[in-house]
Amino acid sequence: MAKQGRSDSRTLDGLATAARDAAGPAGRGLPPVHLWNPPFCGDLDLRIAGDGTWFYMKTPIGRPALVRLFSTILKREDDKHFLVTPVEKVGIRVDDAPFVAVEMAREGGEHGLLRFRTNVGDWVPCDSGHQLRFAPSEKGGLKPYLHVRAGLWAKVTRALYYDLVDMGEQRMIDGRMMFGIESGGEFFAMADAEQVRDAG
């Protein structure tokens, strides 16, 4: 059996080449990872930290273009994350969410569409297909997440969370007064209105 470090190095290089091949011409869109079901080739010593930094063998990957490339072949199955090409699938570790939403813009006025930019440069609309959800934070308050695609989520930064609270509103939902955000014709409830006021 090959030593772990040697295997990982070969696999990382191979993944980068295969990902470039799968991406095809620039501007064609994301590779169709949902159509690929290659054999599982083991876990790679690659971790996405809670702040969105990618680490390979405990060293940050300092090339944004490589991180962007690998982000396009991310796939989630059950609660595990993988990098997938047409010929192989390797497991990686994700501390929280694989993406971070770092910028927000609103189109169409007060009740228009919110768009979020992720740390790898994708702009994602907040709508029925890309919903916001809110989870309890270990430090108190709430952590927002935006669905990016196919079970992959982006954690919304704390600064943007406060922006969301500032633009939020109260609505009666199933007999309860809820506090939330409207975007893309959908209302995304954060929590009970009183709870959100106390959480800030």
N, C-alpha and C. Protein backbone atom coordinates (compact mmCIF):
# COMPACT_ATOMS: atom_id res chain seq x y z
N MET A 1 0.85 -1.20 0.00
CA MET A 1 0.00 0.00 0.00
C MET A 1 0.88 1.24 0.00
N ALA A 2 0.52 2.24 -0.81
CA ALA A 2 1.30 3.47 -0.89
C ALA A 2 1.18 4.26 0.39
N LYS A 3 2.23 5.01 0.71
CA LYS A 3 2.16 5.86 1.88
C LYS A 3 1.12 6.94 1.68
N GLN A 4 0.51 7.35 2.80
CA GLN A 4 -0.62 8.28 2.72
C GLN A 4 -0.23 9.59 2.04
N GLY A 5 0.91 10.19 2.42
CA GLY A 5 1.29 11.47 1.85
C GLY A 5 1.51 11.40 0.35
N ARG A 6 2.19 10.32 -0.09
CA ARG A 6 2.44 10.17 -1.52
C ARG A 6 1.13 10.00 -2.29
N SER A 7 0.22 9.20 -1.73
CA SER A 7 -1.06 8.98 -2.39
C SER A 7 -1.85 10.28 -2.48
N ASP A 8 -1.84 11.06 -1.39
CA ASP A 8 -2.58 12.31 -1.39
C ASP A 8 -2.04 13.27 -2.43
N SER A 9 -0.71 13.37 -2.54
CA SER A 9 -0.12 14.30 -3.48
C SER A 9 -0.51 13.94 -4.90
N ARG A 10 -0.43 12.66 -5.22
CA ARG A 10 -0.79 12.24 -6.56
C ARG A 10 -2.27 12.50 -6.83
N THR A 11 -3.11 12.23 -5.83
CA THR A 11 -4.54 12.41 -6.00
C THR A 11 -4.89 13.89 -6.16
N LEU A 12 -4.27 14.77 -5.40
CA LEU A 12 -4.56 16.21 -5.51
C LEU A 12 -4.20 16.72 -6.90
N ASP A 13 -3.03 16.33 -7.38
CA ASP A 13 -2.62 16.75 -8.72
C ASP A 13 -3.57 16.18 -9.77
N GLY A 14 -3.92 14.91 -9.59
CA GLY A 14 -4.83 14.28 -10.54
C GLY A 14 -6.20 14.93 -10.54
N LEU A 15 -6.67 15.29 -9.35
CA LEU A 15 -7.98 15.95 -9.25
C LEU A 15 -7.97 17.30 -9.95
N ALA A 16 -6.88 18.03 -9.78
CA ALA A 16 -6.80 19.35 -10.43
C ALA A 16 -6.86 19.20 -11.95
N THR A 17 -6.12 18.24 -12.47
CA THR A 17 -6.12 18.01 -13.93
C THR A 17 -7.49 17.55 -14.39
N ALA A 18 -8.07 16.58 -13.67
CA ALA A 18 -9.38 16.05 -14.06
C ALA A 18 -10.46 17.12 -13.96
N ALA A 19 -10.36 17.98 -12.93
CA ALA A 19 -11.35 19.05 -12.76
C ALA A 19 -11.26 20.05 -13.91
N ARG A 20 -10.05 20.36 -14.34
CA ARG A 20 -9.88 21.28 -15.48
C ARG A 20 -10.46 20.66 -16.75
N ASP A 21 -10.21 19.37 -16.93
CA ASP A 21 -10.75 18.70 -18.11
C ASP A 21 -12.28 18.68 -18.08
N ALA A 22 -12.85 18.43 -16.88
CA ALA A 22 -14.30 18.35 -16.75
C ALA A 22 -14.95 19.72 -16.93
N ALA A 23 -14.23 20.78 -16.53
CA ALA A 23 -14.80 22.12 -16.62
C ALA A 23 -15.01 22.53 -18.07
N GLY A 24 -14.13 22.07 -18.95
CA GLY A 24 -14.29 22.40 -20.37
C GLY A 24 -14.06 23.87 -20.62
N PRO A 25 -14.60 24.40 -21.72
CA PRO A 25 -14.38 25.80 -22.09
C PRO A 25 -14.91 26.75 -21.01
N ALA A 26 -14.22 27.86 -20.84
CA ALA A 26 -14.65 28.86 -19.86
C ALA A 26 -16.04 29.37 -20.22
N GLY A 27 -16.86 29.55 -19.17
CA GLY A 27 -18.20 30.08 -19.38
C GLY A 27 -19.25 29.03 -19.67
N ARG A 28 -18.84 27.74 -19.70
CA ARG A 28 -19.81 26.71 -20.01
C ARG A 28 -20.71 26.39 -18.82
N GLY A 29 -20.33 26.84 -17.66
CA GLY A 29 -21.12 26.55 -16.47
C GLY A 29 -20.45 25.48 -15.63
N LEU A 30 -21.13 25.08 -14.57
CA LEU A 30 -20.57 24.10 -13.64
C LEU A 30 -20.57 22.71 -14.25
N PRO A 31 -19.57 21.89 -13.91
CA PRO A 31 -19.56 20.51 -14.39
C PRO A 31 -20.78 19.75 -13.84
N PRO A 32 -21.30 18.77 -14.56
CA PRO A 32 -22.50 18.03 -14.13
C PRO A 32 -22.16 16.94 -13.12
N VAL A 33 -21.70 17.36 -11.93
CA VAL A 33 -21.27 16.37 -10.93
C VAL A 33 -22.41 15.45 -10.51
N HIS A 34 -23.67 15.91 -10.64
CA HIS A 34 -24.81 15.08 -10.25
C HIS A 34 -24.97 13.87 -11.16
N LEU A 35 -24.33 13.91 -12.32
CA LEU A 35 -24.41 12.79 -13.26
C LEU A 35 -23.26 11.80 -13.09
N TRP A 36 -22.28 12.17 -12.27
CA TRP A 36 -21.08 11.33 -12.13
C TRP A 36 -21.20 10.43 -10.91
N ASN A 37 -20.89 9.16 -11.07
CA ASN A 37 -20.90 8.21 -9.96
C ASN A 37 -19.67 7.32 -10.04
N PRO A 38 -18.48 7.92 -9.92
CA PRO A 38 -17.24 7.15 -10.05
C PRO A 38 -16.95 6.36 -8.77
N PRO A 39 -15.98 5.46 -8.79
CA PRO A 39 -15.64 4.71 -7.58
C PRO A 39 -15.03 5.61 -6.51
N PHE A 40 -15.29 5.28 -5.26
CA PHE A 40 -14.73 6.01 -4.13
C PHE A 40 -13.27 5.61 -3.96
N CYS A 41 -12.39 6.62 -3.90
CA CYS A 41 -10.95 6.36 -3.86
C CYS A 41 -10.34 6.71 -2.51
N GLY A 42 -11.16 6.84 -1.47
CA GLY A 42 -10.65 7.15 -0.14
C GLY A 42 -10.75 8.62 0.20
N ASP A 43 -10.28 8.94 1.39
CA ASP A 43 -10.33 10.32 1.86
C ASP A 43 -9.03 11.03 1.52
N LEU A 44 -9.16 12.30 1.20
CA LEU A 44 -8.02 13.17 0.92
C LEU A 44 -7.81 14.06 2.14
N ASP A 45 -6.56 14.35 2.46
CA ASP A 45 -6.26 15.22 3.60
C ASP A 45 -6.50 16.67 3.19
N LEU A 46 -7.78 16.97 2.98
CA LEU A 46 -8.20 18.30 2.55
C LEU A 46 -9.38 18.72 3.41
N ARG A 47 -9.29 19.93 3.95
CA ARG A 47 -10.32 20.42 4.89
C ARG A 47 -10.73 21.83 4.51
N ILE A 48 -12.04 22.08 4.59
CA ILE A 48 -12.57 23.43 4.44
C ILE A 48 -12.93 23.93 5.83
N ALA A 49 -12.23 24.94 6.29
CA ALA A 49 -12.45 25.47 7.64
C ALA A 49 -13.73 26.29 7.68
N GLY A 50 -14.13 26.63 8.90
CA GLY A 50 -15.37 27.37 9.09
C GLY A 50 -15.39 28.74 8.44
N ASP A 51 -14.19 29.32 8.22
CA ASP A 51 -14.12 30.64 7.58
C ASP A 51 -13.98 30.53 6.06
N GLY A 52 -14.10 29.31 5.52
CA GLY A 52 -14.02 29.11 4.08
C GLY A 52 -12.63 28.82 3.54
N THR A 53 -11.59 28.85 4.41
CA THR A 53 -10.23 28.56 3.96
C THR A 53 -10.08 27.06 3.68
N TRP A 54 -9.47 26.76 2.53
CA TRP A 54 -9.19 25.37 2.17
C TRP A 54 -7.77 25.02 2.62
N PHE A 55 -7.62 23.87 3.29
CA PHE A 55 -6.32 23.39 3.76
C PHE A 55 -6.02 22.05 3.11
N TYR A 56 -4.80 21.90 2.61
CA TYR A 56 -4.33 20.61 2.12
C TYR A 56 -3.15 20.17 2.97
N MET A 57 -3.28 19.03 3.63
CA MET A 57 -2.26 18.54 4.55
C MET A 57 -1.89 19.62 5.56
N LYS A 58 -2.94 20.26 6.12
CA LYS A 58 -2.85 21.27 7.18
C LYS A 58 -2.22 22.59 6.72
N THR A 59 -2.02 22.76 5.42
CA THR A 59 -1.46 24.00 4.88
C THR A 59 -2.51 24.69 4.03
N PRO A 60 -2.75 25.99 4.25
CA PRO A 60 -3.75 26.69 3.42
C PRO A 60 -3.39 26.63 1.94
N ILE A 61 -4.39 26.42 1.11
CA ILE A 61 -4.20 26.48 -0.33
C ILE A 61 -4.25 27.95 -0.73
N GLY A 62 -3.11 28.49 -1.13
CA GLY A 62 -3.00 29.92 -1.36
C GLY A 62 -3.34 30.37 -2.77
N ARG A 63 -3.83 29.47 -3.59
CA ARG A 63 -4.14 29.82 -4.97
C ARG A 63 -5.66 29.87 -5.14
N PRO A 64 -6.24 31.07 -5.17
CA PRO A 64 -7.70 31.20 -5.30
C PRO A 64 -8.26 30.48 -6.51
N ALA A 65 -7.51 30.46 -7.62
CA ALA A 65 -8.01 29.79 -8.82
C ALA A 65 -8.16 28.29 -8.59
N LEU A 66 -7.25 27.69 -7.81
CA LEU A 66 -7.35 26.26 -7.52
C LEU A 66 -8.52 25.97 -6.59
N VAL A 67 -8.72 26.83 -5.59
CA VAL A 67 -9.87 26.68 -4.70
C VAL A 67 -11.17 26.80 -5.49
N ARG A 68 -11.21 27.78 -6.37
CA ARG A 68 -12.39 27.96 -7.21
C ARG A 68 -12.64 26.71 -8.06
N LEU A 69 -11.57 26.17 -8.64
CA LEU A 69 -11.69 24.98 -9.47
C LEU A 69 -12.25 23.80 -8.67
N PHE A 70 -11.67 23.56 -7.49
CA PHE A 70 -12.16 22.44 -6.68
C PHE A 70 -13.60 22.66 -6.21
N SER A 71 -13.97 23.93 -6.00
CA SER A 71 -15.34 24.20 -5.54
C SER A 71 -16.38 23.79 -6.58
N THR A 72 -15.98 23.75 -7.85
CA THR A 72 -16.92 23.39 -8.90
C THR A 72 -17.17 21.89 -8.98
N ILE A 73 -16.33 21.08 -8.33
CA ILE A 73 -16.54 19.62 -8.36
C ILE A 73 -16.91 19.09 -6.97
N LEU A 74 -17.38 19.98 -6.11
CA LEU A 74 -17.89 19.56 -4.80
C LEU A 74 -19.22 18.83 -4.96
N LYS A 75 -19.39 17.80 -4.15
CA LYS A 75 -20.65 17.06 -4.14
C LYS A 75 -20.95 16.61 -2.72
N ARG A 76 -22.21 16.68 -2.35
CA ARG A 76 -22.62 16.22 -1.02
C ARG A 76 -23.51 15.01 -1.17
N GLU A 77 -23.19 13.98 -0.41
CA GLU A 77 -24.01 12.77 -0.34
C GLU A 77 -24.26 12.48 1.12
N ASP A 78 -25.54 12.46 1.51
CA ASP A 78 -25.91 12.38 2.93
C ASP A 78 -25.26 13.54 3.66
N ASP A 79 -24.46 13.29 4.68
CA ASP A 79 -23.83 14.38 5.41
C ASP A 79 -22.33 14.48 5.10
N LYS A 80 -21.89 13.85 4.04
CA LYS A 80 -20.48 13.86 3.69
C LYS A 80 -20.24 14.65 2.41
N HIS A 81 -19.03 15.21 2.32
CA HIS A 81 -18.66 16.00 1.15
C HIS A 81 -17.53 15.31 0.40
N PHE A 82 -17.58 15.44 -0.92
CA PHE A 82 -16.61 14.79 -1.79
C PHE A 82 -16.18 15.76 -2.89
N LEU A 83 -14.99 15.51 -3.43
CA LEU A 83 -14.60 16.08 -4.71
C LEU A 83 -14.76 14.97 -5.73
N VAL A 84 -15.47 15.26 -6.82
CA VAL A 84 -15.85 14.22 -7.77
C VAL A 84 -15.44 14.63 -9.18
N THR A 85 -14.87 13.68 -9.90
CA THR A 85 -14.61 13.82 -11.32
C THR A 85 -15.28 12.62 -12.00
N PRO A 86 -15.28 12.58 -13.32
CA PRO A 86 -15.88 11.40 -13.97
C PRO A 86 -15.21 10.08 -13.62
N VAL A 87 -13.97 10.12 -13.09
CA VAL A 87 -13.24 8.86 -12.87
C VAL A 87 -12.95 8.56 -11.41
N GLU A 88 -13.10 9.50 -10.50
CA GLU A 88 -12.82 9.21 -9.09
C GLU A 88 -13.59 10.14 -8.16
N LYS A 89 -13.73 9.67 -6.92
CA LYS A 89 -14.41 10.43 -5.87
C LYS A 89 -13.60 10.30 -4.60
N VAL A 90 -13.26 11.44 -3.99
CA VAL A 90 -12.49 11.42 -2.75
C VAL A 90 -13.24 12.21 -1.68
N GLY A 91 -13.17 11.73 -0.47
CA GLY A 91 -13.82 12.41 0.64
C GLY A 91 -12.96 13.53 1.19
N ILE A 92 -13.62 14.62 1.58
CA ILE A 92 -12.92 15.73 2.22
C ILE A 92 -13.68 16.10 3.50
N ARG A 93 -13.05 16.90 4.33
CA ARG A 93 -13.65 17.31 5.59
C ARG A 93 -14.13 18.75 5.48
N VAL A 94 -15.35 19.00 5.92
CA VAL A 94 -15.91 20.35 5.93
C VAL A 94 -16.33 20.66 7.37
N ASP A 95 -15.70 21.68 7.96
CA ASP A 95 -15.96 21.98 9.37
C ASP A 95 -17.38 22.48 9.61
N ASP A 96 -17.89 23.30 8.71
CA ASP A 96 -19.22 23.88 8.89
C ASP A 96 -19.99 23.80 7.57
N ALA A 97 -19.80 24.78 6.70
CA ALA A 97 -20.39 24.77 5.37
C ALA A 97 -19.26 24.95 4.36
N PRO A 98 -19.39 24.40 3.15
CA PRO A 98 -18.30 24.49 2.18
C PRO A 98 -18.08 25.88 1.60
N PHE A 99 -19.09 26.74 1.70
CA PHE A 99 -18.96 28.10 1.17
C PHE A 99 -19.26 29.11 2.27
N VAL A 100 -18.82 30.35 2.05
CA VAL A 100 -19.15 31.47 2.94
C VAL A 100 -19.73 32.58 2.08
N ALA A 101 -20.88 33.12 2.48
CA ALA A 101 -21.48 34.27 1.79
C ALA A 101 -20.86 35.53 2.38
N VAL A 102 -20.14 36.29 1.53
CA VAL A 102 -19.33 37.40 2.02
C VAL A 102 -19.84 38.77 1.57
N GLU A 103 -20.81 38.79 0.68
CA GLU A 103 -21.34 40.07 0.19
C GLU A 103 -22.80 39.89 -0.16
N MET A 104 -23.58 40.96 0.00
CA MET A 104 -25.01 40.89 -0.27
C MET A 104 -25.44 42.13 -1.03
N ALA A 105 -26.35 41.94 -1.98
CA ALA A 105 -26.90 43.06 -2.74
C ALA A 105 -28.40 42.82 -2.91
N ARG A 106 -29.16 43.92 -2.97
CA ARG A 106 -30.62 43.81 -3.14
C ARG A 106 -31.02 44.45 -4.45
N GLU A 107 -31.86 43.74 -5.20
CA GLU A 107 -32.38 44.24 -6.46
C GLU A 107 -33.88 44.44 -6.34
N GLY A 108 -34.40 45.54 -6.87
CA GLY A 108 -35.84 45.71 -6.94
C GLY A 108 -36.50 46.30 -5.72
N GLY A 109 -35.77 47.05 -4.93
CA GLY A 109 -36.41 47.74 -3.82
C GLY A 109 -36.53 46.91 -2.56
N GLU A 110 -37.37 47.42 -1.63
CA GLU A 110 -37.44 46.86 -0.28
C GLU A 110 -37.77 45.39 -0.25
N HIS A 111 -38.67 44.92 -1.09
CA HIS A 111 -39.06 43.52 -1.09
C HIS A 111 -38.58 42.81 -2.36
N GLY A 112 -37.44 43.27 -2.87
CA GLY A 112 -36.90 42.67 -4.08
C GLY A 112 -36.10 41.40 -3.80
N LEU A 113 -35.17 41.12 -4.68
CA LEU A 113 -34.38 39.90 -4.62
C LEU A 113 -33.03 40.18 -3.98
N LEU A 114 -32.69 39.38 -2.98
CA LEU A 114 -31.35 39.44 -2.40
C LEU A 114 -30.43 38.50 -3.16
N ARG A 115 -29.22 38.96 -3.41
CA ARG A 115 -28.19 38.11 -3.99
C ARG A 115 -26.98 38.10 -3.07
N PHE A 116 -26.34 36.95 -2.97
CA PHE A 116 -25.17 36.81 -2.11
C PHE A 116 -23.98 36.34 -2.94
N ARG A 117 -22.83 36.94 -2.68
CA ARG A 117 -21.59 36.49 -3.32
C ARG A 117 -20.84 35.58 -2.37
N THR A 118 -20.43 34.42 -2.86
CA THR A 118 -19.68 33.48 -2.03
C THR A 118 -18.19 33.78 -2.09
N ASN A 119 -17.45 33.14 -1.22
CA ASN A 119 -16.01 33.34 -1.15
C ASN A 119 -15.27 32.82 -2.39
N VAL A 120 -15.95 32.06 -3.26
CA VAL A 120 -15.32 31.62 -4.50
C VAL A 120 -15.84 32.40 -5.71
N GLY A 121 -16.60 33.47 -5.45
CA GLY A 121 -16.98 34.38 -6.52
C GLY A 121 -18.32 34.15 -7.18
N ASP A 122 -19.10 33.17 -6.71
CA ASP A 122 -20.42 32.93 -7.29
C ASP A 122 -21.45 33.87 -6.69
N TRP A 123 -22.34 34.41 -7.50
CA TRP A 123 -23.49 35.18 -7.02
C TRP A 123 -24.70 34.26 -7.01
N VAL A 124 -25.33 34.15 -5.85
CA VAL A 124 -26.45 33.21 -5.66
C VAL A 124 -27.69 34.00 -5.26
N PRO A 125 -28.80 33.85 -5.98
CA PRO A 125 -30.03 34.53 -5.58
C PRO A 125 -30.64 33.85 -4.36
N CYS A 126 -31.31 34.62 -3.56
CA CYS A 126 -32.06 34.07 -2.41
C CYS A 126 -33.52 33.98 -2.84
N ASP A 127 -33.97 32.76 -3.12
CA ASP A 127 -35.33 32.57 -3.61
C ASP A 127 -35.80 31.17 -3.24
N SER A 128 -36.86 30.69 -3.86
CA SER A 128 -37.42 29.39 -3.49
C SER A 128 -36.45 28.24 -3.75
N GLY A 129 -35.55 28.41 -4.72
CA GLY A 129 -34.58 27.37 -5.00
C GLY A 129 -33.28 27.51 -4.25
N HIS A 130 -33.09 28.65 -3.60
CA HIS A 130 -31.87 28.94 -2.83
C HIS A 130 -32.30 29.59 -1.52
N GLN A 131 -32.75 28.77 -0.61
CA GLN A 131 -33.40 29.29 0.58
C GLN A 131 -32.41 29.66 1.68
N LEU A 132 -32.86 30.57 2.52
CA LEU A 132 -32.14 30.89 3.75
C LEU A 132 -32.67 30.02 4.87
N ARG A 133 -31.76 29.51 5.69
CA ARG A 133 -32.17 28.83 6.92
C ARG A 133 -31.33 29.40 8.05
N PHE A 134 -31.85 29.27 9.25
CA PHE A 134 -31.20 29.86 10.42
C PHE A 134 -31.03 28.79 11.48
N ALA A 135 -29.80 28.62 11.94
CA ALA A 135 -29.49 27.62 12.96
C ALA A 135 -28.99 28.32 14.22
N PRO A 136 -29.21 27.72 15.38
CA PRO A 136 -28.69 28.32 16.61
C PRO A 136 -27.17 28.38 16.60
N SER A 137 -26.62 29.48 17.09
CA SER A 137 -25.18 29.63 17.19
C SER A 137 -24.69 29.18 18.55
N GLU A 138 -23.50 28.56 18.56
CA GLU A 138 -22.95 28.12 19.85
C GLU A 138 -22.69 29.31 20.77
N LYS A 139 -22.47 30.48 20.18
CA LYS A 139 -22.19 31.68 20.98
C LYS A 139 -23.44 32.49 21.26
N GLY A 140 -24.60 31.92 20.95
CA GLY A 140 -25.85 32.65 21.11
C GLY A 140 -26.26 33.31 19.81
N GLY A 141 -27.53 33.57 19.67
CA GLY A 141 -28.02 34.15 18.43
C GLY A 141 -28.24 33.08 17.37
N LEU A 142 -28.20 33.51 16.12
CA LEU A 142 -28.50 32.63 15.01
C LEU A 142 -27.40 32.70 13.96
N LYS A 143 -27.23 31.58 13.23
CA LYS A 143 -26.31 31.54 12.10
C LYS A 143 -27.12 31.31 10.83
N PRO A 144 -27.08 32.25 9.88
CA PRO A 144 -27.81 32.05 8.62
C PRO A 144 -26.98 31.24 7.63
N TYR A 145 -27.68 30.44 6.84
CA TYR A 145 -27.06 29.68 5.76
C TYR A 145 -27.91 29.85 4.50
N LEU A 146 -27.23 29.94 3.36
CA LEU A 146 -27.90 30.05 2.07
C LEU A 146 -27.62 28.79 1.26
N HIS A 147 -28.70 28.20 0.71
CA HIS A 147 -28.51 27.03 -0.14
C HIS A 147 -27.94 27.46 -1.48
N VAL A 148 -26.78 26.94 -1.82
CA VAL A 148 -26.10 27.31 -3.06
C VAL A 148 -26.54 26.40 -4.20
N ARG A 149 -26.39 25.09 -3.99
CA ARG A 149 -26.82 24.11 -5.00
C ARG A 149 -26.66 22.70 -4.44
N ALA A 150 -27.59 21.84 -4.80
CA ALA A 150 -27.48 20.39 -4.57
C ALA A 150 -27.00 20.02 -3.17
N GLY A 151 -27.61 20.62 -2.15
CA GLY A 151 -27.26 20.29 -0.78
C GLY A 151 -26.01 20.97 -0.25
N LEU A 152 -25.42 21.85 -1.03
CA LEU A 152 -24.24 22.61 -0.60
C LEU A 152 -24.69 23.98 -0.11
N TRP A 153 -24.20 24.36 1.06
CA TRP A 153 -24.65 25.59 1.71
C TRP A 153 -23.50 26.57 1.90
N ALA A 154 -23.86 27.83 2.01
CA ALA A 154 -22.91 28.89 2.34
C ALA A 154 -23.32 29.49 3.69
N LYS A 155 -22.35 29.56 4.59
CA LYS A 155 -22.60 30.25 5.85
C LYS A 155 -22.52 31.75 5.62
N VAL A 156 -23.52 32.48 6.05
CA VAL A 156 -23.57 33.93 5.89
C VAL A 156 -22.75 34.56 7.02
N THR A 157 -21.89 35.50 6.69
CA THR A 157 -21.03 36.10 7.69
C THR A 157 -21.84 36.82 8.76
N ARG A 158 -21.22 37.01 9.91
CA ARG A 158 -21.89 37.66 11.02
C ARG A 158 -22.31 39.09 10.64
N ALA A 159 -21.44 39.79 9.91
CA ALA A 159 -21.77 41.17 9.50
C ALA A 159 -23.01 41.19 8.64
N LEU A 160 -23.12 40.24 7.70
CA LEU A 160 -24.31 40.20 6.86
C LEU A 160 -25.54 39.76 7.65
N TYR A 161 -25.34 38.93 8.66
CA TYR A 161 -26.47 38.56 9.51
C TYR A 161 -27.09 39.81 10.15
N TYR A 162 -26.25 40.70 10.64
CA TYR A 162 -26.78 41.93 11.24
C TYR A 162 -27.49 42.78 10.20
N ASP A 163 -26.98 42.78 8.96
CA ASP A 163 -27.68 43.50 7.89
C ASP A 163 -29.06 42.88 7.64
N LEU A 164 -29.13 41.56 7.68
CA LEU A 164 -30.42 40.88 7.49
C LEU A 164 -31.40 41.26 8.60
N VAL A 165 -30.89 41.29 9.83
CA VAL A 165 -31.76 41.68 10.95
C VAL A 165 -32.28 43.10 10.76
N ASP A 166 -31.40 44.00 10.30
CA ASP A 166 -31.80 45.39 10.09
C ASP A 166 -32.91 45.52 9.05
N MET A 167 -32.91 44.67 8.05
CA MET A 167 -33.90 44.79 6.99
C MET A 167 -35.07 43.81 7.19
N GLY A 168 -35.06 43.07 8.28
CA GLY A 168 -36.12 42.09 8.52
C GLY A 168 -37.44 42.72 8.92
N GLU A 169 -38.47 41.88 8.97
CA GLU A 169 -39.81 42.33 9.32
C GLU A 169 -40.57 41.22 10.03
N GLN A 170 -41.64 41.61 10.70
CA GLN A 170 -42.46 40.64 11.41
C GLN A 170 -43.67 40.25 10.57
N ARG A 171 -43.98 38.95 10.60
CA ARG A 171 -45.19 38.46 9.93
C ARG A 171 -45.81 37.34 10.77
N MET A 172 -47.11 37.26 10.68
CA MET A 172 -47.82 36.20 11.38
C MET A 172 -47.75 34.93 10.51
N ILE A 173 -47.14 33.89 11.03
CA ILE A 173 -47.00 32.61 10.34
C ILE A 173 -47.60 31.51 11.21
N ASP A 174 -48.67 30.89 10.72
CA ASP A 174 -49.32 29.80 11.46
C ASP A 174 -49.63 30.20 12.89
N GLY A 175 -50.12 31.40 13.05
CA GLY A 175 -50.53 31.85 14.38
C GLY A 175 -49.42 32.37 15.26
N ARG A 176 -48.20 32.42 14.76
CA ARG A 176 -47.07 32.93 15.55
C ARG A 176 -46.48 34.14 14.84
N MET A 177 -46.11 35.13 15.62
CA MET A 177 -45.46 36.30 15.06
C MET A 177 -43.98 35.95 14.85
N MET A 178 -43.58 35.92 13.58
CA MET A 178 -42.22 35.53 13.24
C MET A 178 -41.47 36.72 12.65
N PHE A 179 -40.18 36.70 12.82
CA PHE A 179 -39.30 37.72 12.26
C PHE A 179 -38.50 37.07 11.14
N GLY A 180 -38.43 37.73 9.98
CA GLY A 180 -37.70 37.12 8.88
C GLY A 180 -37.43 38.10 7.75
N ILE A 181 -37.05 37.53 6.62
CA ILE A 181 -36.61 38.29 5.46
C ILE A 181 -37.42 37.88 4.24
N GLU A 182 -37.84 38.85 3.44
CA GLU A 182 -38.47 38.53 2.18
C GLU A 182 -37.45 38.71 1.05
N SER A 183 -37.42 37.74 0.15
CA SER A 183 -36.55 37.82 -1.01
C SER A 183 -37.09 36.89 -2.09
N GLY A 184 -37.10 37.37 -3.31
CA GLY A 184 -37.54 36.53 -4.41
C GLY A 184 -38.96 36.01 -4.28
N GLY A 185 -39.82 36.78 -3.62
CA GLY A 185 -41.20 36.36 -3.43
C GLY A 185 -41.42 35.35 -2.32
N GLU A 186 -40.38 35.05 -1.55
CA GLU A 186 -40.47 34.10 -0.44
C GLU A 186 -40.18 34.83 0.87
N PHE A 187 -40.79 34.33 1.97
CA PHE A 187 -40.50 34.86 3.29
C PHE A 187 -39.74 33.80 4.08
N PHE A 188 -38.55 34.16 4.52
CA PHE A 188 -37.69 33.23 5.25
C PHE A 188 -37.68 33.63 6.73
N ALA A 189 -38.36 32.84 7.54
CA ALA A 189 -38.48 33.16 8.96
C ALA A 189 -37.19 32.82 9.69
N MET A 190 -36.72 33.77 10.47
CA MET A 190 -35.55 33.52 11.32
C MET A 190 -35.95 32.74 12.55
N ALA A 191 -36.89 33.29 13.27
CA ALA A 191 -37.32 32.69 14.53
C ALA A 191 -38.49 33.50 15.05
N ASP A 192 -38.99 33.13 16.21
CA ASP A 192 -40.00 33.92 16.90
C ASP A 192 -39.50 35.34 17.02
N ALA A 193 -40.35 36.30 16.76
CA ALA A 193 -39.96 37.71 16.74
C ALA A 193 -39.29 38.13 18.03
N GLU A 194 -39.82 37.72 19.15
CA GLU A 194 -39.25 38.11 20.44
C GLU A 194 -37.86 37.48 20.61
N GLN A 195 -37.71 36.23 20.16
CA GLN A 195 -36.42 35.55 20.27
C GLN A 195 -35.33 36.25 19.48
N VAL A 196 -35.66 36.72 18.27
CA VAL A 196 -34.69 37.41 17.45
C VAL A 196 -34.28 38.73 18.08
N ARG A 197 -35.23 39.44 18.68
CA ARG A 197 -34.91 40.70 19.33
C ARG A 197 -33.91 40.45 20.48
N ASP A 198 -34.07 39.33 21.18
CA ASP A 198 -33.19 39.03 22.31
C ASP A 198 -31.86 38.46 21.87
N ALA A 199 -31.76 37.96 20.60
CA ALA A 199 -30.57 37.23 20.17
C ALA A 199 -29.43 38.13 19.73
N GLY A 200 -29.74 39.36 19.31
CA GLY A 200 -28.73 40.20 18.71
C GLY A 200 -27.52 40.39 19.57
